[in-house]
Every structure is written in structure tokens, then in C-alpha cells.
């Protein structure tokens, strides 16, 4: 069934429910479109309502125009030209409605350090980070460090989450060994999260011994920063200068992307190609498949497109499974970049998909390979690739959390049904 999502979609590379790194809220200008995922290539929504894939690579679709919008490296670079809350600024007071675990923090005690994480019960990566934050709290319990997890959901929602069973007679609450609070009026979210221009969770603000913001980022990168701040070796000014430099670079990238978006919306394809070439030249490979898709699907310049794809595949051959997979996906036909079926070079598509599997035998690489074999009417090969995909997906079962099990079983059933279809076709040939 089509799913309602904002206009930013992941290039395929189906995420697993345990591999997402962050969740993203819809940003300024995001609209809602109807998208039906192609068979066996699952697109992940880029709303804040589900985990994102391991790569923070998203596509912004406007009418028939497709362009990449952002990347993982820019996740904690504020959208605003001048953020209202920056590194070195005084940390706003915490006006929090409900404290569910730990003592209420209304003022910052001099000499103490505070780790303030913004999270939500629906955010898979946030939930996965709870054990890590509990470890941080335990490690620095006697060093004046207080870890606080803050959601903007209503109290009842968070309480229901805490009472959710996780197996072996334990509840979610039993995993959390740090302070937990809710901010349903979003006053603290506005003072921190929005003031810093952030749009993705989990996000951590580290507040130092003088009650100033020392750092903000993803909790997985927290440990060395906490250690340095506690030991007094953290260089806040150097970090602030680095952040400001990245913000300036981000603004420049955003201006280029705005030019690209305008060119795509107005169907000025050659201009769009020129701008993407600039972005690729600066090291952003995520525009390579987008450029290829525009050449094939929008401009119908097949000879030029295939020449570019072969060059890109040669450059990706040694180590870039993701790009090999993207090239195979587009070449074999996709809803995002449709072009005439008779123009598909299935030999090239198969070569790219096989190499993606050789480099990284992931389940979604294997399902792509199976689908290409099927297009070539090589159904026995398709069934074998699909069987490998099922084995890879099954291997993830121990990592699946109880509340994700139904979705896992549904996807597994789809993989098995496709395998059965391939086997049936193989027997009839």
C-alpha cells in the first residue's frame, strides 16, 4: 500500500529495524506525496516517525524532479543561518513538566556536567541508545554527571513505553538508569532543539561545569566528549570554531542544492547536471545515481547515461557496494527513475548487482540481484539469490525488539513468497 511520507525518500538500501542511526522531523518546505515502494526494494520514510537507514542519504522529489537533500555529515549542522543557541552559549533553564525517573533538575549546579538527550518512544535509534546512556550515567555517577532523557510526548505515552515488556520478565523501564522526563508543551525543545536549528533525533546537548553548551551531536559520539569535559581537557573554543566553519560550509552547500532544486523543478536538466557535477567534484557521491537517473529517465539520453554509469561503476568497483547497488537498481528499472524497458541494459544491471553482493552480501543487495535475474528469466538463479537474502534477513532475528517482531515477520513472509514465485517459475521452464 502507498505510504504517506514527506518529499524526502531514501535511495534504496532497505534499512533494518536495528540499523537506523537517527530519525528526522519534516523540515521547512517538505511536502507530502504518495509513494509505492518497488518490489523487494523498500524505501524508508524520512519523517521523524521511523528509523532511517544506516546512511543518512535522502532524495527530495518535486514533481518529476529528484535531488538529494542532505547527508549524515550535516545532521547536526543547524538549518538556520544564525542559530539562536550555539556552542559556548549559556544553557537555558529546564522548565520540565514531568520527571519520571531521577530528581528534578531546575538549575545547573556549578561544577557539574549534564547530558541532555532529546528522544521519543517511536524513535528506534533513540530506544537502542538507552543502554549506552545508562552506561555513561553509571560510569560518571560519582563525577558529577547527570544524564537526562527528554521526550516531548504526553506523560501517558511515555509511561506506556516504560511498562512495555522486553522479555524475561523485564520492562523497558528496567533498562533505563538515568533521569527521564517529558516536555509536552515543548518549551525545552524550543529553547534547545529548535533554537539550535536541529531536525533529527536522538540529539544530545552536553552542558559543562559553567552551565554553558559544550557540544551537541549524536549519542554514539558522546563518550570522548564527556571524558574530556569531566577531566577539564575539552577545548570548547576550538570546537566552536570547527562548528562555525562547518556551518559556513553547510550554508554554501545548501545554496548549491537550492540551485539544483530550482533547476530540477523547472526541468532545466543540463543546468541540473552541471550543478550535480559540482557537488560530485566536492566529494558527494550521493549525487552520482541521481545524475544517472536524470540522464536516463528525464533526458532520455541513454548513450550518455550508460557511458556515465559504466564510468561510475568502474570507480566504485573496488569498495563501494552502495553505489554498485544504486547503479544496478536504476539500470534494472525503478519507480523513481523510470525509462523504457527496452532500453534497459540488464547485463550492466546484473554486473553492478553482483558486485554489490560480492562486496557486501546484504539482504537487500541479494533481493536486487534476484529481481534482475528474474527480469532476465534466469529464475533458478533468482531463487538462489532470494534464498540467500532470506538467510541474511533471518540472521537479524536475535536483534529484533519485541515491538518490531510483527513487522519483521511480515517482511520475511514477503521475501519467502517471492522466493516461492521464483522457484515455481524455474520449475516451469
Protein backbone atom coordinates (compact mmCIF):
# COMPACT_ATOMS: atom_id res chain seq x y z
CA UNK A 1 0.00 0.00 0.00
CA UNK A 2 1.23 3.52 -0.67
CA UNK A 3 2.56 5.26 2.40
CA UNK A 4 2.21 8.93 3.11
CA UNK A 5 5.67 10.40 3.54
CA UNK A 6 7.28 13.81 3.11
CA UNK A 7 9.07 14.54 -0.13
CA UNK A 8 12.35 13.14 1.09
CA UNK A 9 12.92 9.47 0.49
CA UNK A 10 15.87 7.19 0.89
CA UNK A 11 17.54 5.81 -2.15
CA UNK A 12 17.04 2.08 -1.80
CA UNK A 13 19.02 0.12 0.60
CA UNK A 14 16.26 -1.21 2.81
CA UNK A 15 17.04 -0.36 6.43
CA UNK A 16 16.70 -2.96 9.10
CA UNK A 17 14.87 -2.01 12.24
CA UNK A 18 18.09 -2.19 14.26
CA UNK A 19 20.41 -0.37 11.91
CA UNK A 20 18.91 3.13 11.79
CA UNK A 21 21.10 5.89 13.17
CA UNK A 22 18.69 8.74 13.60
CA UNK A 23 15.17 9.96 12.97
CA UNK A 24 14.33 13.15 11.17
CA UNK A 25 11.49 15.59 11.55
CA UNK A 26 10.00 17.10 8.37
CA UNK A 27 11.86 20.31 7.61
CA UNK A 28 10.83 23.60 6.04
CA UNK A 29 9.42 23.05 2.57
CA UNK A 30 8.77 19.33 2.97
CA UNK A 31 5.53 18.27 1.34
CA UNK A 32 3.62 15.01 1.40
CA UNK A 33 3.46 12.63 -1.54
CA UNK A 34 2.18 9.12 -2.15
CA UNK A 35 4.90 6.57 -2.77
CA UNK A 36 4.60 2.86 -3.53
CA UNK A 37 7.88 1.00 -2.86
CA UNK A 38 9.10 -1.14 -5.77
CA UNK A 39 9.10 -4.91 -5.09
CA UNK A 40 11.90 -6.03 -2.78
CA UNK A 41 13.41 -2.54 -2.60
CA UNK A 42 11.92 -0.87 0.41
CA UNK A 43 12.09 2.90 0.70
CA UNK A 44 12.42 4.21 4.23
CA UNK A 45 10.41 7.24 5.23
CA UNK A 46 12.43 10.22 6.29
CA UNK A 47 9.90 11.58 8.74
CA UNK A 48 10.69 11.57 12.42
CA UNK A 49 8.23 8.70 12.76
CA UNK A 50 10.54 5.83 11.90
CA UNK A 51 14.22 4.88 11.88
CA UNK A 52 16.33 6.00 8.97
CA UNK A 53 18.78 3.73 7.21
CA UNK A 54 22.40 3.48 8.21
CA UNK A 55 23.33 6.08 5.62
CA UNK A 56 21.60 9.39 6.04
CA UNK A 57 21.07 9.73 2.28
CA UNK A 58 17.74 11.11 1.22
CA UNK A 59 16.11 12.15 -2.00
CA UNK A 60 13.81 15.13 -2.39
CA UNK A 61 11.16 14.52 -5.04
CA UNK A 62 9.42 17.55 -6.53
CA UNK A 63 7.02 16.65 -9.35
CA UNK A 64 9.36 14.65 -11.63
CA UNK A 65 12.48 16.27 -10.20
CA UNK A 66 14.75 14.25 -7.95
CA UNK A 67 17.67 15.57 -5.95
CA UNK A 68 19.49 14.56 -2.83
CA UNK A 69 18.71 16.78 0.10
CA UNK A 70 21.19 16.12 2.90
CA UNK A 71 23.72 13.68 4.29
CA UNK A 72 24.83 12.22 7.58
CA UNK A 73 27.74 14.63 7.94
CA UNK A 74 25.34 17.57 8.03
CA UNK A 75 22.92 16.06 10.53
CA UNK A 76 23.87 18.38 13.38
CA UNK A 77 24.55 21.45 11.26
CA UNK A 78 21.70 23.88 12.04
CA UNK A 79 19.24 24.83 9.31
CA UNK A 80 19.10 28.42 10.49
CA UNK A 81 21.57 30.93 9.06
CA UNK A 82 22.39 32.04 12.61
CA UNK A 83 21.32 29.56 15.31
CA UNK A 84 19.87 31.11 18.43
CA UNK A 85 21.73 28.58 20.60
CA UNK A 86 25.37 27.83 19.83
CA UNK A 87 28.42 26.22 21.39
CA UNK A 88 29.60 28.34 24.34
CA UNK A 89 26.18 29.91 24.99
CA UNK A 90 24.58 29.73 28.42
CA UNK A 91 22.32 26.70 28.67
CA UNK A 92 18.65 27.66 29.06
CA UNK A 93 16.91 26.62 32.27
CA UNK A 94 14.98 23.35 32.21
CA UNK A 95 11.28 24.08 32.62
CA UNK A 96 10.11 20.46 32.51
CA UNK A 97 6.58 19.32 33.30
CA UNK A 98 7.06 15.69 34.35
CA UNK A 99 10.07 13.91 35.86
CA UNK A 100 9.52 10.15 35.72
CA UNK A 101 12.94 8.93 36.80
CA UNK A 102 15.57 10.74 38.82
CA UNK A 103 15.44 14.01 40.70
CA UNK A 104 14.13 17.14 39.00
CA UNK A 105 16.81 19.45 37.64
CA UNK A 106 15.71 23.07 37.73
CA UNK A 107 19.13 24.75 37.89
CA UNK A 108 22.58 23.67 36.78
CA UNK A 109 24.90 23.08 39.73
CA UNK A 110 28.33 24.70 39.24
CA UNK A 111 30.99 22.09 38.64
CA UNK A 112 28.50 19.50 37.42
CA UNK A 113 28.05 18.20 33.88
CA UNK A 114 24.68 17.48 32.25
CA UNK A 115 23.93 15.26 29.27
CA UNK A 116 20.54 16.27 27.84
CA UNK A 117 19.24 13.88 25.18
CA UNK A 118 16.16 14.57 23.05
CA UNK A 119 14.39 11.33 22.19
CA UNK A 120 10.95 9.80 21.56
CA UNK A 121 9.27 6.47 22.19
CA UNK A 122 8.70 5.98 18.43
CA UNK A 123 12.35 6.52 17.54
CA UNK A 124 14.09 3.15 17.18
CA UNK A 125 17.66 4.55 17.34
CA UNK A 126 16.72 6.51 20.47
CA UNK A 127 15.49 3.36 22.18
CA UNK A 128 18.60 1.49 21.09
CA UNK A 129 20.79 4.18 22.70
CA UNK A 130 19.23 3.79 26.15
CA UNK A 131 21.68 1.11 27.26
CA UNK A 132 24.58 3.31 26.21
CA UNK A 133 23.26 6.32 28.13
CA UNK A 134 22.74 4.11 31.18
CA UNK A 135 26.39 3.07 30.93
CA UNK A 136 27.50 6.71 30.70
CA UNK A 137 25.49 7.57 33.80
CA UNK A 138 26.93 4.62 35.73
CA UNK A 139 30.49 5.40 34.66
CA UNK A 140 30.33 9.01 35.82
CA UNK A 141 27.85 8.71 38.69
CA UNK A 142 30.45 9.87 41.22
CA UNK A 143 31.95 12.54 38.93
CA UNK A 144 29.05 14.98 38.96
CA UNK A 145 27.46 13.90 35.67
CA UNK A 146 23.68 13.76 35.25
CA UNK A 147 22.15 12.17 32.17
CA UNK A 148 18.63 13.30 31.24
CA UNK A 149 16.42 11.83 28.53
CA UNK A 150 13.70 14.24 27.42
CA UNK A 151 10.70 13.42 25.22
CA UNK A 152 8.06 15.88 24.01
CA UNK A 153 5.29 13.29 24.23
CA UNK A 154 2.45 13.30 26.72
CA UNK A 155 3.09 11.58 30.03
CA UNK A 156 0.77 8.65 29.33
CA UNK A 157 2.63 7.76 26.13
CA UNK A 158 5.97 7.65 27.88
CA UNK A 159 4.60 5.68 30.82
CA UNK A 160 3.13 3.09 28.46
CA UNK A 161 6.55 2.80 26.84
CA UNK A 162 8.25 2.26 30.20
CA UNK A 163 5.79 -0.52 31.05
CA UNK A 164 6.31 -2.33 27.74
CA UNK A 165 7.66 -5.88 28.24
CA UNK A 166 11.01 -6.66 26.64
CA UNK A 167 11.23 -10.33 27.57
CA UNK A 168 12.46 -12.43 30.52
CA UNK A 169 10.08 -10.63 32.86
CA UNK A 170 11.71 -7.25 32.25
CA UNK A 171 10.21 -3.93 31.16
CA UNK A 172 11.68 -1.07 29.17
CA UNK A 173 11.89 0.80 32.46
CA UNK A 174 14.41 -1.76 33.73
CA UNK A 175 16.91 -0.75 31.02
CA UNK A 176 16.98 2.93 31.93
CA UNK A 177 19.30 4.01 34.72
CA UNK A 178 19.31 7.75 34.23
CA UNK A 179 16.84 10.62 34.63
CA UNK A 180 13.83 10.63 32.34
CA UNK A 181 11.33 13.42 31.75
CA UNK A 182 8.64 14.64 29.36
CA UNK A 183 8.14 18.12 27.91
CA UNK A 184 4.69 18.02 26.28
CA UNK A 185 4.46 21.81 25.97
CA UNK A 186 7.82 21.65 24.10
CA UNK A 187 9.23 24.63 25.97
CA UNK A 188 12.61 22.97 26.46
CA UNK A 189 12.53 21.65 22.90
CA UNK A 190 12.09 25.20 21.66
CA UNK A 191 14.82 26.52 23.95
CA UNK A 192 17.37 23.90 22.88
CA UNK A 193 16.44 21.71 19.92
CA UNK A 194 14.70 24.31 17.77
CA UNK A 195 16.96 27.15 18.87
CA UNK A 196 19.98 25.16 17.66
CA UNK A 197 18.23 24.50 14.34
CA UNK A 198 18.26 20.71 14.68
CA UNK A 199 15.85 18.36 12.93
CA UNK A 200 16.93 14.84 13.90
CA UNK A 201 16.81 12.66 16.98
CA UNK A 202 18.44 11.30 19.04
CA UNK A 203 20.33 14.52 19.73
CA UNK A 204 22.45 15.32 22.78
CA UNK A 205 23.40 18.65 24.31
CA UNK A 206 26.34 18.45 26.72
CA UNK A 207 26.22 21.21 29.32
CA UNK A 208 29.51 21.91 31.05
CA UNK A 209 30.63 22.81 34.53
CA UNK A 210 29.94 26.52 33.97
CA UNK A 211 26.41 25.83 32.64
CA UNK A 212 27.36 26.53 29.04
CA UNK A 213 26.75 24.37 25.99
CA UNK A 214 29.96 22.43 25.30
CA UNK A 215 28.83 20.15 22.50
CA UNK A 216 25.83 18.82 20.60
CA UNK A 217 25.62 15.71 18.49
CA UNK A 218 24.64 12.07 18.28
CA UNK A 219 24.89 10.00 21.48
CA UNK A 220 27.17 7.46 19.80
CA UNK A 221 29.84 10.19 19.61
CA UNK A 222 29.35 11.27 23.22
CA UNK A 223 31.91 9.26 25.20
CA UNK A 224 35.17 11.07 24.41
CA UNK A 225 33.48 14.45 24.84
CA UNK A 226 32.10 13.59 28.28
CA UNK A 227 35.50 12.29 29.34
CA UNK A 228 37.25 15.48 28.18
CA UNK A 229 34.70 17.80 29.80
CA UNK A 230 34.84 15.90 33.11
CA UNK A 231 38.66 15.88 33.09
CA UNK A 232 38.82 19.55 32.11
CA UNK A 233 40.67 18.94 28.83
CA UNK A 234 37.83 19.84 26.44
CA UNK A 235 38.63 22.80 24.18
CA UNK A 236 35.27 24.48 23.77
CA UNK A 237 36.53 27.37 21.69
CA UNK A 238 38.27 25.10 19.20
CA UNK A 239 35.09 23.05 18.90
CA UNK A 240 33.01 26.17 18.46
CA UNK A 241 35.32 27.37 15.66
CA UNK A 242 35.05 23.98 13.96
CA UNK A 243 31.26 24.03 14.20
CA UNK A 244 31.07 27.57 12.81
CA UNK A 245 33.31 26.57 9.89
CA UNK A 246 31.07 23.59 9.17
CA UNK A 247 28.01 25.81 9.38
CA UNK A 248 29.52 28.14 6.79
CA UNK A 249 30.30 25.19 4.54
CA UNK A 250 26.79 23.87 5.08
CA UNK A 251 25.27 27.18 4.06
CA UNK A 252 27.32 27.09 0.87
CA UNK A 253 26.20 23.52 0.16
CA UNK A 254 22.61 24.48 0.85
CA UNK A 255 22.82 27.33 -1.67
CA UNK A 256 24.11 24.92 -4.31
CA UNK A 257 21.33 22.45 -3.50
CA UNK A 258 18.77 25.22 -3.79
CA UNK A 259 20.10 25.95 -7.29
CA UNK A 260 19.80 22.26 -8.08
CA UNK A 261 16.26 22.09 -6.72
CA UNK A 262 15.24 25.10 -8.80
CA UNK A 263 16.79 23.59 -11.94
CA UNK A 264 15.03 20.29 -11.38
CA UNK A 265 11.66 21.88 -10.66
CA UNK A 266 11.89 23.94 -13.84
CA UNK A 267 13.17 20.89 -15.77
CA UNK A 268 16.38 22.66 -16.75
CA UNK A 269 18.15 19.34 -16.97
CA UNK A 270 21.53 20.45 -18.30
CA UNK A 271 21.79 23.05 -15.55
CA UNK A 272 20.90 20.36 -13.02
CA UNK A 273 23.63 18.09 -14.42
CA UNK A 274 26.18 20.90 -14.15
CA UNK A 275 25.27 21.58 -10.51
CA UNK A 276 25.39 17.88 -9.62
CA UNK A 277 28.82 17.66 -11.24
CA UNK A 278 29.96 20.43 -8.88
CA UNK A 279 28.63 18.54 -5.87
CA UNK A 280 30.19 15.27 -7.02
CA UNK A 281 33.53 17.03 -7.60
CA UNK A 282 33.44 18.14 -3.97
CA UNK A 283 33.18 14.53 -2.85
CA UNK A 284 29.43 13.98 -2.54
CA UNK A 285 28.95 10.64 -4.30
CA UNK A 286 25.28 10.53 -3.35
CA UNK A 287 24.57 12.64 -6.44
CA UNK A 288 26.09 10.06 -8.80
CA UNK A 289 22.97 7.87 -9.02
CA UNK A 290 20.76 10.96 -9.13
CA UNK A 291 22.66 12.30 -12.12
CA UNK A 292 22.45 8.90 -13.79
CA UNK A 293 18.72 8.74 -13.14
CA UNK A 294 18.14 12.19 -14.61
CA UNK A 295 20.12 11.32 -17.75
CA UNK A 296 18.15 8.13 -18.27
CA UNK A 297 14.68 8.98 -17.02
CA UNK A 298 14.23 12.71 -17.57
CA UNK A 299 16.54 13.46 -20.50
CA UNK A 300 16.27 10.06 -22.25
CA UNK A 301 19.92 10.33 -23.23
CA UNK A 302 20.62 6.63 -22.97
CA UNK A 303 24.03 6.52 -24.62
CA UNK A 304 25.29 9.35 -22.44
CA UNK A 305 23.68 7.85 -19.36
CA UNK A 306 25.15 4.40 -19.88
CA UNK A 307 28.59 5.82 -20.55
CA UNK A 308 28.35 7.66 -17.23
CA UNK A 309 27.08 4.56 -15.41
CA UNK A 310 29.95 2.41 -16.69
CA UNK A 311 32.47 5.02 -15.61
CA UNK A 312 30.85 5.28 -12.18
CA UNK A 313 30.75 1.51 -11.79
CA UNK A 314 34.45 1.25 -12.62
CA UNK A 315 35.23 3.81 -9.91
CA UNK A 316 33.01 2.04 -7.38
CA UNK A 317 34.21 -1.46 -8.23
CA UNK A 318 36.85 -1.96 -5.55
CA UNK A 319 34.96 -0.93 -2.44
CA UNK A 320 31.67 0.93 -2.93
CA UNK A 321 28.85 -1.60 -2.60
CA UNK A 322 26.25 1.12 -2.08
CA UNK A 323 26.97 2.82 -5.39
CA UNK A 324 27.13 -0.52 -7.23
CA UNK A 325 23.70 -1.33 -5.85
CA UNK A 326 22.30 2.08 -6.85
CA UNK A 327 23.55 1.71 -10.40
CA UNK A 328 22.08 -1.79 -10.67
CA UNK A 329 18.76 -0.62 -9.25
CA UNK A 330 18.36 2.29 -11.66
CA UNK A 331 19.54 0.29 -14.67
CA UNK A 332 17.09 -2.53 -13.97
CA UNK A 333 14.13 -0.15 -13.71
CA UNK A 334 12.83 1.91 -10.79
CA UNK A 335 9.77 3.96 -9.93
CA UNK A 336 11.91 6.99 -9.10
CA UNK A 337 13.76 6.94 -12.43
CA UNK A 338 11.51 5.14 -14.96
CA UNK A 339 12.63 4.73 -18.56
CA UNK A 340 11.66 2.49 -21.46
CA UNK A 341 12.02 -1.18 -20.57
CA UNK A 342 13.51 -2.00 -23.95
CA UNK A 343 16.35 0.41 -23.16
CA UNK A 344 17.38 -1.46 -20.00
CA UNK A 345 20.85 -2.94 -20.16
CA UNK A 346 20.27 -5.95 -17.93
CA UNK A 347 23.84 -7.15 -18.47
CA UNK A 348 25.10 -3.94 -16.86
CA UNK A 349 22.46 -4.14 -14.15
CA UNK A 350 23.46 -7.72 -13.34
CA UNK A 351 27.15 -6.84 -13.26
CA UNK A 352 26.54 -3.98 -10.82
CA UNK A 353 24.26 -6.01 -8.56
CA UNK A 354 26.64 -8.99 -8.48
CA UNK A 355 29.48 -6.70 -7.46
CA UNK A 356 27.37 -5.13 -4.69
CA UNK A 357 26.73 -8.64 -3.34
CA UNK A 358 30.40 -9.59 -3.62
CA UNK A 359 31.39 -6.53 -1.61
CA UNK A 360 28.53 -6.71 0.91
CA UNK A 361 26.15 -9.70 0.78
CA UNK A 362 23.31 -7.79 2.43
CA UNK A 363 19.72 -8.99 2.15
CA UNK A 364 18.57 -6.05 0.03
CA UNK A 365 21.56 -6.37 -2.29
CA UNK A 366 20.58 -10.01 -2.78
CA UNK A 367 16.91 -9.21 -3.43
CA UNK A 368 18.00 -6.74 -6.09
CA UNK A 369 20.20 -9.39 -7.67
CA UNK A 370 17.30 -11.85 -7.59
CA UNK A 371 14.94 -9.37 -9.26
CA UNK A 372 17.44 -8.73 -12.06
CA UNK A 373 17.90 -12.46 -12.64
CA UNK A 374 14.11 -12.73 -12.83
CA UNK A 375 13.91 -9.97 -15.45
CA UNK A 376 16.44 -11.97 -17.45
CA UNK A 377 14.23 -15.06 -16.99
CA UNK A 378 17.01 -16.74 -15.02
CA UNK A 379 14.58 -17.97 -12.40
CA UNK A 380 16.78 -20.63 -10.81
CA UNK A 381 19.47 -18.00 -10.20
CA UNK A 382 16.80 -15.63 -8.89
CA UNK A 383 15.58 -18.26 -6.44
CA UNK A 384 19.12 -18.92 -5.20
CA UNK A 385 19.81 -15.22 -4.64
CA UNK A 386 16.46 -14.81 -2.89
CA UNK A 387 17.22 -17.78 -0.63
CA UNK A 388 20.48 -16.11 0.39
CA UNK A 389 18.58 -12.89 1.08
CA UNK A 390 16.18 -14.76 3.35
CA UNK A 391 19.09 -16.31 5.27
CA UNK A 392 20.69 -12.89 5.72
CA UNK A 393 17.42 -11.40 6.92
CA UNK A 394 16.71 -14.32 9.26
CA UNK A 395 20.11 -13.79 10.88
CA UNK A 396 18.86 -10.45 12.19
CA UNK A 397 16.14 -12.08 14.30
CA UNK A 398 18.12 -12.01 17.59
CA UNK A 399 18.42 -8.23 17.29
CA UNK A 400 14.73 -7.61 16.67
CA UNK A 401 12.95 -5.98 19.59
CA UNK A 402 9.55 -7.38 20.65
CA UNK A 403 7.53 -4.45 19.35
CA UNK A 404 9.23 -4.81 15.95
CA UNK A 405 8.63 -8.53 15.58
CA UNK A 406 5.37 -8.29 13.63
CA UNK A 407 6.93 -6.04 11.01
CA UNK A 408 9.94 -8.34 10.81
CA UNK A 409 7.73 -11.38 10.22
CA UNK A 410 5.71 -9.56 7.56
CA UNK A 411 8.82 -8.61 5.62
CA UNK A 412 10.20 -12.11 6.00
CA UNK A 413 6.94 -13.54 4.64
CA UNK A 414 7.21 -11.24 1.61
CA UNK A 415 10.75 -12.43 0.94
CA UNK A 416 9.65 -16.08 1.19
CA UNK A 417 6.64 -15.52 -1.07
CA UNK A 418 8.89 -14.02 -3.73
CA UNK A 419 11.27 -16.96 -3.37
CA UNK A 420 8.40 -19.38 -3.91
CA UNK A 421 7.35 -17.48 -7.02
CA UNK A 422 10.87 -17.70 -8.44
CA UNK A 423 11.05 -21.43 -7.70
CA UNK A 424 7.70 -22.03 -9.40
CA UNK A 425 8.84 -20.15 -12.49
CA UNK A 426 12.09 -22.10 -12.52
CA UNK A 427 10.22 -25.41 -12.49
CA UNK A 428 8.01 -24.42 -15.43
CA UNK A 429 10.94 -23.61 -17.72
